[in-house]
Amino acid sequence: MIDVTLENFEPEVIAASLVTPVLVDFWADWCGPCKSLGPVLEKLETAYAGRFKLVKVNADDQQQLTQAFGIKSLPTCILMAGGKPVDGFMGAQPEGQIKQFLDKHLPSEEFLQAQAAAEEAQQHLQAGDHGGARAALENALANDPGNDDARFDLIKLLLNAGELNEAAALLAPAMSRIPVPLRFEALQQMLNALEFVTTDPRGQWPLEKFDELIGQNKRDFETRFAKSRLLMAAGDWTAAMEELLEIIMRDKKWDEEAPRKTFVAILELLTPPAPKAAPDAGKSAGGIELTGKAALQEDPQAALVASYRRKLSMALN
């Protein structure tokens, strides 16, 4: 538990809540219920072992914060997550009710263990230790089978390693959902391409053979689609999308829109992860001015994806 003022509110609450939920306790010296609630909150912070961070704001001394959050009575607790207030309660609630409140919003211990394992996996990947990354991701899924991030990363790792049967088995639960999450649909399309090059004789053709057949018949969509899969498996994404566009422009509905679905899958696989929100991105939901907005810098990968999204849109219209 730490005391927060206007001067340290941004790093200790706004920025901190981007990583771990922060419970802000507004209190005052003259407030009797505040004195009974405080020890309960401190006890729970210890018991929850890092699942949330507790900070205290003296409502009398920090009136700008009190007004910004519209505090009308004391004690009032506001839970911050992702840089914004997400919920709160007023009054000295019993410990059991506060636990219910926290459990409704805080990540479970299993999720945190899985998250730590996934972060460990990324460190292994950056070091080129694919075996260590695989073990960490498998551990993450064992701790939290619903962790889609770990499942996604593990399937990608298996696909890159050519372990297609294992990847397919991990992908199956996600593909059984309705609707199927787009990123898992993208992995399924990648799996289809890799299976094509390992099981279909055309997977061993040189590109020149595809081009020869296409040159004889521009509407040979089977050959164009097979070529796009070969290019996908080789990681030549832009060439694969160009070939798919050739089909889409000529017949949008061919093979139940398989070219369009594959094109969208490639875009999903190429889309860079969204950057975490910075604590200086405007105002908090409580109306506290933070700083000016940071200048946006366009990622070349994001620019490529945007360019091909426009090409797809033009081909479909």
C-alpha atoms as a PDB file:
ATOM      1  CA  MET A   1       0.000   0.000   0.000  1.00  0.00           C
ATOM      2  CA  ILE A   2       1.297   3.440  -0.888  1.00  0.00           C
ATOM      3  CA  ASP A   3      -0.014   6.982  -0.532  1.00  0.00           C
ATOM      4  CA  VAL A   4      -0.738   8.748  -3.808  1.00  0.00           C
ATOM      5  CA  THR A   5      -0.778  12.455  -4.619  1.00  0.00           C
ATOM      6  CA  LEU A   6      -1.442  14.391  -7.810  1.00  0.00           C
ATOM      7  CA  GLU A   7       2.300  14.415  -8.462  1.00  0.00           C
ATOM      8  CA  ASN A   8       2.740  10.624  -8.473  1.00  0.00           C
ATOM      9  CA  PHE A   9      -0.755   9.612  -9.592  1.00  0.00           C
ATOM     10  CA  GLU A  10       0.255   9.047 -13.211  1.00  0.00           C
ATOM     11  CA  PRO A  11       3.097   6.540 -12.618  1.00  0.00           C
ATOM     12  CA  GLU A  12       1.630   4.867  -9.525  1.00  0.00           C
ATOM     13  CA  VAL A  13      -1.957   4.527 -10.782  1.00  0.00           C
ATOM     14  CA  ILE A  14      -2.455   5.232 -14.507  1.00  0.00           C
ATOM     15  CA  ALA A  15       0.743   3.604 -15.779  1.00  0.00           C
ATOM     16  CA  ALA A  16       0.742   0.873 -13.129  1.00  0.00           C
ATOM     17  CA  SER A  17      -2.816  -0.143 -14.024  1.00  0.00           C
ATOM     18  CA  LEU A  18      -1.701  -0.973 -17.561  1.00  0.00           C
ATOM     19  CA  VAL A  19       0.130  -3.936 -16.038  1.00  0.00           C
ATOM     20  CA  THR A  20      -1.717  -4.731 -12.791  1.00  0.00           C
ATOM     21  CA  PRO A  21      -5.161  -3.545 -11.613  1.00  0.00           C
ATOM     22  CA  VAL A  22      -4.910  -0.742  -9.035  1.00  0.00           C
ATOM     23  CA  LEU A  23      -7.455  -0.227  -6.254  1.00  0.00           C
ATOM     24  CA  VAL A  24      -7.593   3.451  -5.234  1.00  0.00           C
ATOM     25  CA  ASP A  25      -8.927   4.019  -1.714  1.00  0.00           C
ATOM     26  CA  PHE A  26     -10.189   7.578  -1.134  1.00  0.00           C
ATOM     27  CA  TRP A  27     -10.200   8.267   2.612  1.00  0.00           C
ATOM     28  CA  ALA A  28      -9.841  11.027   5.228  1.00  0.00           C
ATOM     29  CA  ASP A  29      -8.541  11.286   8.797  1.00  0.00           C
ATOM     30  CA  TRP A  30     -11.962  12.218  10.204  1.00  0.00           C
ATOM     31  CA  CYS A  31     -13.733   9.301   8.478  1.00  0.00           C
ATOM     32  CA  GLY A  32     -14.479   6.475  10.936  1.00  0.00           C
ATOM     33  CA  PRO A  33     -15.523   3.873   8.322  1.00  0.00           C
ATOM     34  CA  CYS A  34     -12.307   4.647   6.408  1.00  0.00           C
ATOM     35  CA  LYS A  35     -10.282   3.535   9.420  1.00  0.00           C
ATOM     36  CA  SER A  36     -12.109   0.206   9.584  1.00  0.00           C
ATOM     37  CA  LEU A  37     -11.896  -0.399   5.815  1.00  0.00           C
ATOM     38  CA  GLY A  38      -8.181   0.379   5.473  1.00  0.00           C
ATOM     39  CA  PRO A  39      -6.833  -2.681   7.356  1.00  0.00           C
ATOM     40  CA  VAL A  40      -9.214  -4.973   5.438  1.00  0.00           C
ATOM     41  CA  LEU A  41      -7.908  -3.686   2.105  1.00  0.00           C
ATOM     42  CA  GLU A  42      -4.297  -4.064   3.226  1.00  0.00           C
ATOM     43  CA  LYS A  43      -4.986  -7.631   4.360  1.00  0.00           C
ATOM     44  CA  LEU A  44      -6.533  -8.461   0.986  1.00  0.00           C
ATOM     45  CA  GLU A  45      -3.635  -6.912  -0.924  1.00  0.00           C
ATOM     46  CA  THR A  46      -1.304  -9.284   0.912  1.00  0.00           C
ATOM     47  CA  ALA A  47      -3.615 -12.269   0.460  1.00  0.00           C
ATOM     48  CA  TYR A  48      -4.021 -11.668  -3.272  1.00  0.00           C
ATOM     49  CA  ALA A  49      -0.229 -11.714  -3.657  1.00  0.00           C
ATOM     50  CA  GLY A  50       0.255  -9.245  -6.486  1.00  0.00           C
ATOM     51  CA  ARG A  51      -3.057  -9.692  -8.296  1.00  0.00           C
ATOM     52  CA  PHE A  52      -3.834  -6.042  -7.530  1.00  0.00           C
ATOM     53  CA  LYS A  53      -2.058  -2.994  -6.152  1.00  0.00           C
ATOM     54  CA  LEU A  54      -3.548  -0.900  -3.329  1.00  0.00           C
ATOM     55  CA  VAL A  55      -3.024   2.861  -3.161  1.00  0.00           C
ATOM     56  CA  LYS A  56      -4.581   5.435  -0.832  1.00  0.00           C
ATOM     57  CA  VAL A  57      -5.620   9.015  -1.605  1.00  0.00           C
ATOM     58  CA  ASN A  58      -6.269  11.476   1.205  1.00  0.00           C
ATOM     59  CA  ALA A  59      -9.429  13.139  -0.096  1.00  0.00           C
ATOM     60  CA  ASP A  60      -8.883  16.317   1.925  1.00  0.00           C
ATOM     61  CA  ASP A  61      -5.281  16.830   0.866  1.00  0.00           C
ATOM     62  CA  GLN A  62      -5.792  15.791  -2.767  1.00  0.00           C
ATOM     63  CA  GLN A  63      -8.965  17.612  -3.693  1.00  0.00           C
ATOM     64  CA  GLN A  64      -8.094  17.835  -7.395  1.00  0.00           C
ATOM     65  CA  LEU A  65      -8.042  14.029  -7.583  1.00  0.00           C
ATOM     66  CA  THR A  66     -11.180  13.793  -5.448  1.00  0.00           C
ATOM     67  CA  GLN A  67     -13.065  16.153  -7.754  1.00  0.00           C
ATOM     68  CA  ALA A  68     -11.734  14.512 -10.913  1.00  0.00           C
ATOM     69  CA  PHE A  69     -13.205  11.171  -9.823  1.00  0.00           C
ATOM     70  CA  GLY A  70     -16.443  12.723  -8.620  1.00  0.00           C
ATOM     71  CA  ILE A  71     -16.054  11.378  -5.077  1.00  0.00           C
ATOM     72  CA  LYS A  72     -19.216  12.209  -3.084  1.00  0.00           C
ATOM     73  CA  SER A  73     -18.750  10.160   0.084  1.00  0.00           C
ATOM     74  CA  LEU A  74     -15.988   8.392   1.990  1.00  0.00           C
ATOM     75  CA  PRO A  75     -14.649   5.833   1.857  1.00  0.00           C
ATOM     76  CA  THR A  76     -14.887   5.247  -1.880  1.00  0.00           C
ATOM     77  CA  CYS A  77     -12.753   2.718  -3.738  1.00  0.00           C
ATOM     78  CA  ILE A  78     -12.122   2.883  -7.492  1.00  0.00           C
ATOM     79  CA  LEU A  79     -10.592  -0.020  -9.388  1.00  0.00           C
ATOM     80  CA  MET A  80      -8.333   1.072 -12.246  1.00  0.00           C
ATOM     81  CA  ALA A  81      -7.331  -1.206 -15.113  1.00  0.00           C
ATOM     82  CA  GLY A  82      -5.867  -0.348 -18.485  1.00  0.00           C
ATOM     83  CA  GLY A  83      -5.417   3.251 -17.382  1.00  0.00           C
ATOM     84  CA  LYS A  84      -9.150   3.764 -16.717  1.00  0.00           C
ATOM     85  CA  PRO A  85     -11.682   3.255 -13.907  1.00  0.00           C
ATOM     86  CA  VAL A  86     -13.594   0.011 -14.405  1.00  0.00           C
ATOM     87  CA  ASP A  87     -15.668  -0.266 -11.211  1.00  0.00           C
ATOM     88  CA  GLY A  88     -15.883   0.840  -7.610  1.00  0.00           C
ATOM     89  CA  PHE A  89     -17.781   0.727  -4.346  1.00  0.00           C
ATOM     90  CA  MET A  90     -18.637   3.083  -1.483  1.00  0.00           C
ATOM     91  CA  GLY A  91     -18.637   2.479   2.230  1.00  0.00           C
ATOM     92  CA  ALA A  92     -16.829   0.073   4.536  1.00  0.00           C
ATOM     93  CA  GLN A  93     -17.927  -3.170   2.874  1.00  0.00           C
ATOM     94  CA  PRO A  94     -17.394  -6.536   4.624  1.00  0.00           C
ATOM     95  CA  GLU A  95     -14.330  -8.499   3.603  1.00  0.00           C
ATOM     96  CA  GLY A  96     -16.403 -11.136   1.820  1.00  0.00           C
ATOM     97  CA  GLN A  97     -18.133  -8.601  -0.398  1.00  0.00           C
ATOM     98  CA  ILE A  98     -14.840  -6.919  -1.243  1.00  0.00           C
ATOM     99  CA  LYS A  99     -13.404 -10.296  -2.256  1.00  0.00           C
ATOM    100  CA  GLN A 100     -16.394 -10.865  -4.532  1.00  0.00           C
ATOM    101  CA  PHE A 101     -15.809  -7.437  -6.042  1.00  0.00           C
ATOM    102  CA  LEU A 102     -12.123  -8.161  -6.628  1.00  0.00           C
ATOM    103  CA  ASP A 103     -12.671 -11.660  -7.989  1.00  0.00           C
ATOM    104  CA  LYS A 104     -15.108 -10.264 -10.549  1.00  0.00           C
ATOM    105  CA  HIS A 105     -12.382  -8.106 -12.084  1.00  0.00           C
ATOM    106  CA  LEU A 106      -8.967  -9.514 -11.237  1.00  0.00           C
ATOM    107  CA  PRO A 107      -7.126 -12.148 -13.265  1.00  0.00           C
ATOM    108  CA  SER A 108      -7.051 -15.573 -11.625  1.00  0.00           C
ATOM    109  CA  GLU A 109      -3.882 -17.084 -10.187  1.00  0.00           C
ATOM    110  CA  GLU A 110      -3.961 -19.644 -13.014  1.00  0.00           C
ATOM    111  CA  PHE A 111      -4.110 -16.850 -15.591  1.00  0.00           C
ATOM    112  CA  LEU A 112      -1.166 -15.035 -14.000  1.00  0.00           C
ATOM    113  CA  GLN A 113       0.879 -18.254 -13.949  1.00  0.00           C
ATOM    114  CA  ALA A 114       0.052 -18.827 -17.597  1.00  0.00           C
ATOM    115  CA  GLN A 115       0.914 -15.219 -18.423  1.00  0.00           C
ATOM    116  CA  ALA A 116       4.298 -15.573 -16.702  1.00  0.00           C
ATOM    117  CA  ALA A 117       4.965 -18.776 -18.639  1.00  0.00           C
ATOM    118  CA  ALA A 118       4.040 -17.058 -21.908  1.00  0.00           C
ATOM    119  CA  GLU A 119       6.418 -14.183 -21.143  1.00  0.00           C
ATOM    120  CA  GLU A 120       9.128 -16.730 -20.402  1.00  0.00           C
ATOM    121  CA  ALA A 121       8.398 -18.354 -23.772  1.00  0.00           C
ATOM    122  CA  GLN A 122       8.915 -15.031 -25.562  1.00  0.00           C
ATOM    123  CA  GLN A 123      12.293 -14.657 -23.867  1.00  0.00           C
ATOM    124  CA  HIS A 124      13.258 -18.142 -25.051  1.00  0.00           C
ATOM    125  CA  LEU A 125      12.145 -17.325 -28.595  1.00  0.00           C
ATOM    126  CA  GLN A 126      14.168 -14.122 -28.645  1.00  0.00           C
ATOM    127  CA  ALA A 127      17.193 -16.148 -27.543  1.00  0.00           C
ATOM    128  CA  GLY A 128      16.577 -18.743 -30.262  1.00  0.00           C
ATOM    129  CA  ASP A 129      15.683 -21.432 -27.719  1.00  0.00           C
ATOM    130  CA  HIS A 130      12.636 -22.978 -29.387  1.00  0.00           C
ATOM    131  CA  GLY A 131      12.651 -25.990 -27.086  1.00  0.00           C
ATOM    132  CA  GLY A 132      12.495 -23.782 -24.025  1.00  0.00           C
ATOM    133  CA  ALA A 133       9.769 -21.657 -25.620  1.00  0.00           C
ATOM    134  CA  ARG A 134       7.691 -24.728 -26.386  1.00  0.00           C
ATOM    135  CA  ALA A 135       8.015 -26.033 -22.833  1.00  0.00           C
ATOM    136  CA  ALA A 136       7.013 -22.658 -21.391  1.00  0.00           C
ATOM    137  CA  LEU A 137       3.969 -22.348 -23.669  1.00  0.00           C
ATOM    138  CA  GLU A 138       2.876 -25.896 -22.879  1.00  0.00           C
ATOM    139  CA  ASN A 139       3.169 -24.997 -19.203  1.00  0.00           C
ATOM    140  CA  ALA A 140       1.082 -21.876 -19.810  1.00  0.00           C
ATOM    141  CA  LEU A 141      -1.692 -23.921 -21.410  1.00  0.00           C
ATOM    142  CA  ALA A 142      -1.540 -26.524 -18.650  1.00  0.00           C
ATOM    143  CA  ASN A 143      -2.094 -23.765 -16.075  1.00  0.00           C
ATOM    144  CA  ASP A 144      -4.832 -22.081 -18.094  1.00  0.00           C
ATOM    145  CA  PRO A 145      -6.323 -24.080 -21.005  1.00  0.00           C
ATOM    146  CA  GLY A 146      -8.392 -21.032 -21.919  1.00  0.00           C
ATOM    147  CA  ASN A 147      -5.310 -18.882 -22.542  1.00  0.00           C
ATOM    148  CA  ASP A 148      -5.766 -18.109 -26.235  1.00  0.00           C
ATOM    149  CA  ASP A 149      -2.522 -16.150 -26.457  1.00  0.00           C
ATOM    150  CA  ALA A 150      -0.483 -19.138 -25.302  1.00  0.00           C
ATOM    151  CA  ARG A 151      -2.436 -21.486 -27.577  1.00  0.00           C
ATOM    152  CA  PHE A 152      -1.928 -19.191 -30.561  1.00  0.00           C
ATOM    153  CA  ASP A 153       1.810 -18.803 -29.935  1.00  0.00           C
ATOM    154  CA  LEU A 154       2.317 -22.532 -29.375  1.00  0.00           C
ATOM    155  CA  ILE A 155       0.480 -23.446 -32.578  1.00  0.00           C
ATOM    156  CA  LYS A 156       2.589 -20.935 -34.521  1.00  0.00           C
ATOM    157  CA  LEU A 157       5.743 -22.410 -33.028  1.00  0.00           C
ATOM    158  CA  LEU A 158       4.661 -25.938 -33.980  1.00  0.00           C
ATOM    159  CA  LEU A 159       3.774 -24.852 -37.516  1.00  0.00           C
ATOM    160  CA  ASN A 160       7.177 -23.228 -37.947  1.00  0.00           C
ATOM    161  CA  ALA A 161       8.801 -26.422 -36.702  1.00  0.00           C
ATOM    162  CA  GLY A 162       6.823 -28.522 -39.181  1.00  0.00           C
ATOM    163  CA  GLU A 163       4.991 -30.431 -36.443  1.00  0.00           C
ATOM    164  CA  LEU A 164       1.692 -30.249 -38.250  1.00  0.00           C
ATOM    165  CA  ASN A 165      -0.181 -33.048 -36.458  1.00  0.00           C
ATOM    166  CA  GLU A 166       0.531 -31.524 -33.042  1.00  0.00           C
ATOM    167  CA  ALA A 167      -0.461 -28.097 -34.331  1.00  0.00           C
ATOM    168  CA  ALA A 168      -3.723 -29.460 -35.740  1.00  0.00           C
ATOM    169  CA  ALA A 169      -4.589 -31.106 -32.427  1.00  0.00           C
ATOM    170  CA  LEU A 170      -4.074 -27.849 -30.524  1.00  0.00           C
ATOM    171  CA  LEU A 171      -5.997 -25.891 -33.142  1.00  0.00           C
ATOM    172  CA  ALA A 172      -9.066 -28.148 -33.095  1.00  0.00           C
ATOM    173  CA  PRO A 173     -10.684 -26.762 -29.885  1.00  0.00           C
ATOM    174  CA  ALA A 174     -10.441 -23.198 -31.174  1.00  0.00           C
ATOM    175  CA  MET A 175     -11.856 -24.163 -34.573  1.00  0.00           C
ATOM    176  CA  SER A 176     -14.901 -25.744 -32.912  1.00  0.00           C
ATOM    177  CA  ARG A 177     -16.056 -22.392 -31.532  1.00  0.00           C
ATOM    178  CA  ILE A 178     -18.869 -20.397 -33.074  1.00  0.00           C
ATOM    179  CA  PRO A 179     -17.749 -18.025 -34.389  1.00  0.00           C
ATOM    180  CA  VAL A 180     -14.164 -19.136 -34.914  1.00  0.00           C
ATOM    181  CA  PRO A 181     -11.732 -16.429 -33.708  1.00  0.00           C
ATOM    182  CA  LEU A 182     -10.104 -14.839 -36.748  1.00  0.00           C
ATOM    183  CA  ARG A 183      -6.540 -15.453 -35.636  1.00  0.00           C
ATOM    184  CA  PHE A 184      -7.186 -19.185 -35.286  1.00  0.00           C
ATOM    185  CA  GLU A 185      -8.890 -19.248 -38.680  1.00  0.00           C
ATOM    186  CA  ALA A 186      -5.677 -17.669 -39.986  1.00  0.00           C
ATOM    187  CA  LEU A 187      -3.594 -20.438 -38.418  1.00  0.00           C
ATOM    188  CA  GLN A 188      -5.902 -23.024 -39.995  1.00  0.00           C
ATOM    189  CA  GLN A 189      -5.260 -21.515 -43.417  1.00  0.00           C
ATOM    190  CA  MET A 190      -1.518 -21.609 -42.734  1.00  0.00           C
ATOM    191  CA  LEU A 191      -1.816 -25.247 -41.663  1.00  0.00           C
ATOM    192  CA  ASN A 192      -3.713 -25.990 -44.880  1.00  0.00           C
ATOM    193  CA  ALA A 193      -0.885 -24.464 -46.921  1.00  0.00           C
ATOM    194  CA  LEU A 194       1.804 -26.442 -45.088  1.00  0.00           C
ATOM    195  CA  GLU A 195      -0.180 -29.656 -45.411  1.00  0.00           C
ATOM    196  CA  PHE A 196      -0.575 -28.949 -49.121  1.00  0.00           C
ATOM    197  CA  VAL A 197       3.162 -28.716 -49.756  1.00  0.00           C
ATOM    198  CA  THR A 198       3.836 -31.908 -47.787  1.00  0.00           C
ATOM    199  CA  THR A 199       1.011 -34.087 -49.128  1.00  0.00           C
ATOM    200  CA  ASP A 200       0.082 -32.792 -52.607  1.00  0.00           C
ATOM    201  CA  PRO A 201       2.447 -33.563 -55.508  1.00  0.00           C
ATOM    202  CA  ARG A 202       2.065 -29.954 -56.692  1.00  0.00           C
ATOM    203  CA  GLY A 203       3.739 -28.906 -53.467  1.00  0.00           C
ATOM    204  CA  GLN A 204       7.033 -29.953 -55.043  1.00  0.00           C
ATOM    205  CA  TRP A 205       6.513 -28.145 -58.341  1.00  0.00           C
ATOM    206  CA  PRO A 206       8.792 -25.245 -59.274  1.00  0.00           C
ATOM    207  CA  LEU A 207       6.993 -21.923 -59.635  1.00  0.00           C
ATOM    208  CA  GLU A 208       7.732 -21.953 -63.350  1.00  0.00           C
ATOM    209  CA  LYS A 209       5.423 -24.950 -63.825  1.00  0.00           C
ATOM    210  CA  PHE A 210       2.548 -23.082 -62.176  1.00  0.00           C
ATOM    211  CA  ASP A 211       3.231 -20.022 -64.337  1.00  0.00           C
ATOM    212  CA  GLU A 212       3.285 -22.115 -67.489  1.00  0.00           C
ATOM    213  CA  LEU A 213      -0.165 -23.553 -66.759  1.00  0.00           C
ATOM    214  CA  ILE A 214      -1.576 -20.183 -65.741  1.00  0.00           C
ATOM    215  CA  GLY A 215      -0.186 -18.656 -68.923  1.00  0.00           C
ATOM    216  CA  GLN A 216      -2.217 -21.169 -70.915  1.00  0.00           C
ATOM    217  CA  ASN A 217      -5.417 -20.390 -68.971  1.00  0.00           C
ATOM    218  CA  LYS A 218      -5.768 -17.261 -66.846  1.00  0.00           C
ATOM    219  CA  ARG A 219      -8.856 -18.786 -65.215  1.00  0.00           C
ATOM    220  CA  ASP A 220      -7.066 -21.909 -64.041  1.00  0.00           C
ATOM    221  CA  PHE A 221      -8.013 -21.093 -60.464  1.00  0.00           C
ATOM    222  CA  GLU A 222      -6.988 -24.481 -59.086  1.00  0.00           C
ATOM    223  CA  THR A 223      -3.425 -23.873 -60.234  1.00  0.00           C
ATOM    224  CA  ARG A 224      -3.425 -20.268 -59.041  1.00  0.00           C
ATOM    225  CA  PHE A 225      -4.733 -21.306 -55.612  1.00  0.00           C
ATOM    226  CA  ALA A 226      -2.188 -24.127 -55.357  1.00  0.00           C
ATOM    227  CA  LYS A 227       0.567 -21.656 -56.231  1.00  0.00           C
ATOM    228  CA  SER A 228      -0.641 -19.256 -53.528  1.00  0.00           C
ATOM    229  CA  ARG A 229      -0.408 -22.030 -50.953  1.00  0.00           C
ATOM    230  CA  LEU A 230       3.109 -22.858 -52.033  1.00  0.00           C
ATOM    231  CA  LEU A 231       4.032 -19.183 -51.676  1.00  0.00           C
ATOM    232  CA  MET A 232       2.384 -19.022 -48.246  1.00  0.00           C
ATOM    233  CA  ALA A 233       4.342 -22.027 -47.037  1.00  0.00           C
ATOM    234  CA  ALA A 234       7.530 -20.371 -48.273  1.00  0.00           C
ATOM    235  CA  GLY A 235       6.658 -17.148 -46.433  1.00  0.00           C
ATOM    236  CA  ASP A 236       6.340 -15.127 -49.641  1.00  0.00           C
ATOM    237  CA  TRP A 237       3.236 -13.379 -48.385  1.00  0.00           C
ATOM    238  CA  THR A 238       2.903 -10.554 -50.892  1.00  0.00           C
ATOM    239  CA  ALA A 239       3.300 -12.874 -53.885  1.00  0.00           C
ATOM    240  CA  ALA A 240       0.690 -15.206 -52.369  1.00  0.00           C
ATOM    241  CA  MET A 241      -1.761 -12.333 -51.916  1.00  0.00           C
ATOM    242  CA  GLU A 242      -1.193 -11.106 -55.471  1.00  0.00           C
ATOM    243  CA  GLU A 243      -2.042 -14.566 -56.800  1.00  0.00           C
ATOM    244  CA  LEU A 244      -5.154 -14.728 -54.636  1.00  0.00           C
ATOM    245  CA  LEU A 245      -6.222 -11.301 -55.881  1.00  0.00           C
ATOM    246  CA  GLU A 246      -6.047 -12.588 -59.455  1.00  0.00           C
ATOM    247  CA  ILE A 247      -8.665 -15.201 -58.546  1.00  0.00           C
ATOM    248  CA  ILE A 248     -10.840 -12.832 -56.512  1.00  0.00           C
ATOM    249  CA  MET A 249     -10.958 -10.241 -59.304  1.00  0.00           C
ATOM    250  CA  ARG A 250     -12.123 -12.895 -61.780  1.00  0.00           C
ATOM    251  CA  ASP A 251     -14.492 -14.914 -59.551  1.00  0.00           C
ATOM    252  CA  LYS A 252     -15.224 -13.714 -56.009  1.00  0.00           C
ATOM    253  CA  LYS A 253     -17.253 -16.802 -55.098  1.00  0.00           C
ATOM    254  CA  TRP A 254     -14.912 -19.492 -56.466  1.00  0.00           C
ATOM    255  CA  ASP A 255     -14.567 -22.522 -54.175  1.00  0.00           C
ATOM    256  CA  GLU A 256     -16.833 -20.999 -51.508  1.00  0.00           C
ATOM    257  CA  GLU A 257     -14.648 -17.872 -51.351  1.00  0.00           C
ATOM    258  CA  ALA A 258     -11.536 -19.825 -50.372  1.00  0.00           C
ATOM    259  CA  PRO A 259      -9.191 -17.247 -51.971  1.00  0.00           C
ATOM    260  CA  ARG A 260     -10.781 -14.378 -50.045  1.00  0.00           C
ATOM    261  CA  LYS A 261     -10.657 -16.330 -46.778  1.00  0.00           C
ATOM    262  CA  THR A 262      -7.022 -17.208 -47.369  1.00  0.00           C
ATOM    263  CA  PHE A 263      -6.192 -13.583 -48.231  1.00  0.00           C
ATOM    264  CA  VAL A 264      -7.834 -12.379 -44.999  1.00  0.00           C
ATOM    265  CA  ALA A 265      -5.907 -15.041 -43.076  1.00  0.00           C
ATOM    266  CA  ILE A 266      -2.606 -13.758 -44.452  1.00  0.00           C
ATOM    267  CA  LEU A 267      -3.534 -10.214 -43.447  1.00  0.00           C
ATOM    268  CA  GLU A 268      -4.297 -11.445 -39.939  1.00  0.00           C
ATOM    269  CA  LEU A 269      -0.968 -13.276 -39.706  1.00  0.00           C
ATOM    270  CA  LEU A 270       0.901 -10.200 -40.926  1.00  0.00           C
ATOM    271  CA  THR A 271      -0.901  -7.662 -38.708  1.00  0.00           C
ATOM    272  CA  PRO A 272       1.503  -6.407 -36.010  1.00  0.00           C
ATOM    273  CA  PRO A 273       0.272  -6.701 -32.414  1.00  0.00           C
ATOM    274  CA  ALA A 274      -1.391  -3.568 -31.137  1.00  0.00           C
ATOM    275  CA  PRO A 275       0.993  -1.515 -28.971  1.00  0.00           C
ATOM    276  CA  LYS A 276       0.079  -1.132 -25.329  1.00  0.00           C
ATOM    277  CA  ALA A 277      -1.594   2.132 -24.523  1.00  0.00           C
ATOM    278  CA  ALA A 278       0.823   4.665 -23.099  1.00  0.00           C
ATOM    279  CA  PRO A 279       0.011   6.557 -19.922  1.00  0.00           C
ATOM    280  CA  ASP A 280       0.307   9.846 -21.825  1.00  0.00           C
ATOM    281  CA  ALA A 281      -2.487   9.123 -24.288  1.00  0.00           C
ATOM    282  CA  GLY A 282      -4.769  12.004 -23.346  1.00  0.00           C
ATOM    283  CA  LYS A 283      -7.042  12.035 -20.302  1.00  0.00           C
ATOM    284  CA  SER A 284      -8.121   9.348 -17.912  1.00  0.00           C
ATOM    285  CA  ALA A 285     -11.807   8.525 -17.619  1.00  0.00           C
ATOM    286  CA  GLY A 286     -11.786  10.575 -14.447  1.00  0.00           C
ATOM    287  CA  GLY A 287     -10.896  13.660 -16.475  1.00  0.00           C
ATOM    288  CA  ILE A 288      -7.335  14.074 -15.207  1.00  0.00           C
ATOM    289  CA  GLU A 289      -5.084  15.683 -17.782  1.00  0.00           C
ATOM    290  CA  LEU A 290      -2.011  13.560 -18.347  1.00  0.00           C
ATOM    291  CA  THR A 291       0.165  14.887 -21.177  1.00  0.00           C
ATOM    292  CA  GLY A 292      -0.066  15.573 -24.884  1.00  0.00           C
ATOM    293  CA  LYS A 293      -0.617  12.688 -27.263  1.00  0.00           C
ATOM    294  CA  ALA A 294       2.514  11.035 -28.542  1.00  0.00           C
ATOM    295  CA  ALA A 295       3.163  11.346 -32.253  1.00  0.00           C
ATOM    296  CA  LEU A 296       2.069   8.262 -34.114  1.00  0.00           C
ATOM    297  CA  GLN A 297       4.713   6.486 -36.150  1.00  0.00           C
ATOM    298  CA  GLU A 298       3.504   4.190 -38.898  1.00  0.00           C
ATOM    299  CA  ASP A 299       4.906   0.679 -38.749  1.00  0.00           C
ATOM    300  CA  PRO A 300       6.066  -0.504 -42.219  1.00  0.00           C
ATOM    301  CA  GLN A 301       4.414  -3.872 -41.580  1.00  0.00           C
ATOM    302  CA  ALA A 302       1.150  -2.158 -40.648  1.00  0.00           C
ATOM    303  CA  ALA A 303       1.440  -0.030 -43.796  1.00  0.00           C
ATOM    304  CA  LEU A 304       1.842  -3.173 -45.902  1.00  0.00           C
ATOM    305  CA  VAL A 305      -1.231  -4.736 -44.323  1.00  0.00           C
ATOM    306  CA  ALA A 306      -3.253  -1.563 -44.856  1.00  0.00           C
ATOM    307  CA  SER A 307      -2.189  -1.447 -48.501  1.00  0.00           C
ATOM    308  CA  TYR A 308      -3.346  -5.009 -49.153  1.00  0.00           C
ATOM    309  CA  ARG A 309      -6.592  -4.454 -47.259  1.00  0.00           C
ATOM    310  CA  ARG A 310      -7.326  -1.670 -49.720  1.00  0.00           C
ATOM    311  CA  LYS A 311      -6.457  -3.943 -52.644  1.00  0.00           C
ATOM    312  CA  LEU A 312      -8.842  -6.583 -51.352  1.00  0.00           C
ATOM    313  CA  SER A 313     -11.598  -4.016 -50.873  1.00  0.00           C
ATOM    314  CA  MET A 314     -11.161  -2.779 -54.433  1.00  0.00           C
ATOM    315  CA  ALA A 315     -11.221  -6.342 -55.789  1.00  0.00           C
ATOM    316  CA  LEU A 316     -14.451  -7.135 -53.944  1.00  0.00           C
ATOM    317  CA  ASN A 317     -16.275  -3.959 -55.022  1.00  0.00           C
END
